[in-house]
C-alpha atoms as a PDB file:
ATOM      1  CA  MET A   1      26.895 -12.636 -62.592  1.00  0.00           C
ATOM      2  CA  ALA A   2      26.622 -11.547 -66.226  1.00  0.00           C
ATOM      3  CA  THR A   3      29.790 -10.975 -68.236  1.00  0.00           C
ATOM      4  CA  GLU A   4      30.631  -9.809 -71.728  1.00  0.00           C
ATOM      5  CA  SER A   5      33.407 -11.250 -73.870  1.00  0.00           C
ATOM      6  CA  GLY A   6      35.395  -9.807 -76.701  1.00  0.00           C
ATOM      7  CA  ARG A   7      38.349 -10.655 -78.828  1.00  0.00           C
ATOM      8  CA  ILE A   8      41.592  -9.111 -79.975  1.00  0.00           C
ATOM      9  CA  THR A   9      42.035  -9.208 -83.744  1.00  0.00           C
ATOM     10  CA  PRO A  10      45.327 -10.038 -85.485  1.00  0.00           C
ATOM     11  CA  ALA A  11      45.595  -6.268 -86.094  1.00  0.00           C
ATOM     12  CA  ARG A  12      45.465  -5.882 -82.271  1.00  0.00           C
ATOM     13  CA  GLU A  13      42.056  -4.228 -82.199  1.00  0.00           C
ATOM     14  CA  PRO A  14      39.899  -5.053 -79.168  1.00  0.00           C
ATOM     15  CA  ILE A  15      36.405  -5.985 -80.377  1.00  0.00           C
ATOM     16  CA  LEU A  16      33.200  -6.308 -78.356  1.00  0.00           C
ATOM     17  CA  THR A  17      29.870  -7.378 -79.777  1.00  0.00           C
ATOM     18  CA  ILE A  18      26.884  -5.435 -78.527  1.00  0.00           C
ATOM     19  CA  ARG A  19      23.259  -6.388 -79.029  1.00  0.00           C
ATOM     20  CA  LEU A  20      20.697  -3.700 -79.650  1.00  0.00           C
ATOM     21  CA  ALA A  21      17.293  -4.176 -78.061  1.00  0.00           C
ATOM     22  CA  ASP A  22      15.830  -5.373 -81.380  1.00  0.00           C
ATOM     23  CA  ASP A  23      18.411  -8.220 -81.568  1.00  0.00           C
ATOM     24  CA  VAL A  24      20.677  -6.488 -84.086  1.00  0.00           C
ATOM     25  CA  THR A  25      24.270  -7.328 -83.162  1.00  0.00           C
ATOM     26  CA  VAL A  26      27.170  -4.998 -83.878  1.00  0.00           C
ATOM     27  CA  GLU A  27      30.899  -5.671 -83.590  1.00  0.00           C
ATOM     28  CA  CYS A  28      32.508  -2.559 -82.109  1.00  0.00           C
ATOM     29  CA  VAL A  29      36.153  -1.584 -81.828  1.00  0.00           C
ATOM     30  CA  VAL A  30      37.034  -0.409 -78.317  1.00  0.00           C
ATOM     31  CA  ASP A  31      38.530   3.034 -78.977  1.00  0.00           C
ATOM     32  CA  THR A  32      39.867   4.778 -75.877  1.00  0.00           C
ATOM     33  CA  GLY A  33      40.527   7.900 -77.954  1.00  0.00           C
ATOM     34  CA  PHE A  34      36.784   8.266 -78.594  1.00  0.00           C
ATOM     35  CA  THR A  35      35.228  10.057 -75.627  1.00  0.00           C
ATOM     36  CA  GLY A  36      31.592   9.263 -76.489  1.00  0.00           C
ATOM     37  CA  ALA A  37      29.724   6.064 -75.616  1.00  0.00           C
ATOM     38  CA  LEU A  38      29.003   4.557 -79.041  1.00  0.00           C
ATOM     39  CA  MET A  39      29.540   5.461 -82.655  1.00  0.00           C
ATOM     40  CA  LEU A  40      27.323   3.449 -84.973  1.00  0.00           C
ATOM     41  CA  PRO A  41      26.990   3.495 -88.752  1.00  0.00           C
ATOM     42  CA  ARG A  42      23.855   5.196 -90.066  1.00  0.00           C
ATOM     43  CA  GLU A  43      22.856   1.919 -91.765  1.00  0.00           C
ATOM     44  CA  ILE A  44      22.550   0.190 -88.375  1.00  0.00           C
ATOM     45  CA  ILE A  45      20.567   3.062 -86.881  1.00  0.00           C
ATOM     46  CA  GLU A  46      18.145   3.037 -89.819  1.00  0.00           C
ATOM     47  CA  ARG A  47      17.788  -0.762 -89.756  1.00  0.00           C
ATOM     48  CA  SER A  48      17.029  -0.659 -86.027  1.00  0.00           C
ATOM     49  CA  SER A  49      14.456   2.151 -86.274  1.00  0.00           C
ATOM     50  CA  VAL A  50      16.284   4.081 -83.541  1.00  0.00           C
ATOM     51  CA  PRO A  51      15.059   7.680 -83.326  1.00  0.00           C
ATOM     52  CA  ILE A  52      17.534  10.475 -83.991  1.00  0.00           C
ATOM     53  CA  ILE A  53      17.454  12.947 -81.084  1.00  0.00           C
ATOM     54  CA  GLY A  54      19.580  15.807 -82.382  1.00  0.00           C
ATOM     55  CA  LYS A  55      22.983  16.878 -83.654  1.00  0.00           C
ATOM     56  CA  ALA A  56      26.270  17.832 -82.029  1.00  0.00           C
ATOM     57  CA  THR A  57      29.644  19.176 -83.126  1.00  0.00           C
ATOM     58  CA  PHE A  58      32.694  16.994 -82.540  1.00  0.00           C
ATOM     59  CA  GLN A  59      36.402  17.579 -82.909  1.00  0.00           C
ATOM     60  CA  LEU A  60      38.310  14.758 -84.559  1.00  0.00           C
ATOM     61  CA  VAL A  61      41.841  13.756 -83.605  1.00  0.00           C
ATOM     62  CA  SER A  62      43.004  15.588 -86.743  1.00  0.00           C
ATOM     63  CA  GLY A  63      41.623  18.822 -85.277  1.00  0.00           C
ATOM     64  CA  ARG A  64      38.833  19.008 -87.856  1.00  0.00           C
ATOM     65  CA  PHE A  65      35.278  19.639 -86.618  1.00  0.00           C
ATOM     66  CA  ILE A  66      32.264  17.673 -87.831  1.00  0.00           C
ATOM     67  CA  VAL A  67      28.541  17.808 -87.133  1.00  0.00           C
ATOM     68  CA  ALA A  68      26.925  14.421 -86.526  1.00  0.00           C
ATOM     69  CA  SER A  69      23.467  13.186 -85.611  1.00  0.00           C
ATOM     70  CA  LEU A  70      22.834  11.578 -82.216  1.00  0.00           C
ATOM     71  CA  ALA A  71      20.538   8.766 -81.138  1.00  0.00           C
ATOM     72  CA  LEU A  72      19.612   7.095 -77.867  1.00  0.00           C
ATOM     73  CA  VAL A  73      20.154   3.374 -78.340  1.00  0.00           C
ATOM     74  CA  GLU A  74      18.847   0.637 -76.078  1.00  0.00           C
ATOM     75  CA  ILE A  75      21.298  -2.248 -75.738  1.00  0.00           C
ATOM     76  CA  ASP A  76      21.491  -5.513 -73.829  1.00  0.00           C
ATOM     77  CA  TRP A  77      24.631  -5.245 -71.691  1.00  0.00           C
ATOM     78  CA  LEU A  78      25.735  -7.390 -68.767  1.00  0.00           C
ATOM     79  CA  GLY A  79      22.304  -8.988 -68.629  1.00  0.00           C
ATOM     80  CA  GLN A  80      20.433  -5.686 -68.393  1.00  0.00           C
ATOM     81  CA  GLN A  81      18.840  -3.145 -70.683  1.00  0.00           C
ATOM     82  CA  ARG A  82      20.886   0.030 -70.932  1.00  0.00           C
ATOM     83  CA  ILE A  83      20.309   3.243 -72.879  1.00  0.00           C
ATOM     84  CA  VAL A  84      23.397   4.936 -74.304  1.00  0.00           C
ATOM     85  CA  ARG A  85      24.013   7.913 -76.547  1.00  0.00           C
ATOM     86  CA  ALA A  86      25.271   7.019 -80.006  1.00  0.00           C
ATOM     87  CA  VAL A  87      26.969   9.268 -82.518  1.00  0.00           C
ATOM     88  CA  ILE A  88      25.730   8.365 -85.992  1.00  0.00           C
ATOM     89  CA  SER A  89      28.506   7.898 -88.519  1.00  0.00           C
ATOM     90  CA  ASP A  90      28.327   7.908 -92.293  1.00  0.00           C
ATOM     91  CA  GLY A  91      31.182   5.380 -92.272  1.00  0.00           C
ATOM     92  CA  VAL A  92      31.182   1.640 -91.602  1.00  0.00           C
ATOM     93  CA  ASP A  93      33.076   1.497 -88.301  1.00  0.00           C
ATOM     94  CA  ALA A  94      31.324   0.978 -84.983  1.00  0.00           C
ATOM     95  CA  LEU A  95      33.167   2.213 -81.889  1.00  0.00           C
ATOM     96  CA  ILE A  96      32.823   1.902 -78.128  1.00  0.00           C
ATOM     97  CA  GLY A  97      34.355   4.894 -76.387  1.00  0.00           C
ATOM     98  CA  ALA A  98      35.310   6.024 -72.900  1.00  0.00           C
ATOM     99  CA  GLU A  99      31.823   7.245 -71.896  1.00  0.00           C
ATOM    100  CA  PHE A 100      30.488   3.704 -72.385  1.00  0.00           C
ATOM    101  CA  TRP A 101      32.632   2.376 -69.519  1.00  0.00           C
ATOM    102  CA  MET A 102      31.480   4.830 -66.859  1.00  0.00           C
ATOM    103  CA  GLY A 103      30.350   2.808 -63.833  1.00  0.00           C
ATOM    104  CA  ILE A 104      31.174  -0.633 -65.271  1.00  0.00           C
ATOM    105  CA  PRO A 105      33.609  -2.786 -63.252  1.00  0.00           C
ATOM    106  CA  SER A 106      36.449  -3.885 -65.545  1.00  0.00           C
ATOM    107  CA  SER A 107      36.387  -7.360 -63.979  1.00  0.00           C
ATOM    108  CA  LEU A 108      33.199  -8.098 -65.946  1.00  0.00           C
ATOM    109  CA  ILE A 109      34.897  -7.830 -69.351  1.00  0.00           C
ATOM    110  CA  THR A 110      37.234 -10.457 -70.834  1.00  0.00           C
ATOM    111  CA  PHE A 111      39.040 -10.549 -74.170  1.00  0.00           C
ATOM    112  CA  ALA A 112      40.326 -13.600 -76.041  1.00  0.00           C
ATOM    113  CA  ILE A 113      43.338 -13.162 -78.312  1.00  0.00           C
ATOM    114  CA  THR A 114      42.656 -14.674 -81.739  1.00  0.00           C
END
């Protein structure tokens, strides 16, 4: 059975590494306050030649609204190809949010404290 492993940083951030279908790897912070599946920096989207599929409006925790581009990203996850929606960020942080975990048994994910 395939598993994925992550780590907990000294700043207590849970990190998982995901691999895009074109072998680009991205370290993502697991952010349970983010309701989407993935948020990836624009640089990664452009480097991976992932097509942008549209835009959406999002409300930030501060209450401010932003408009961001969206992409469908193919990733290798738990030994299978999976397509997830990614919000494209102009920042440098990559996030995994609550939508990402839909249908995934938690017993398949382990974290090591570093």
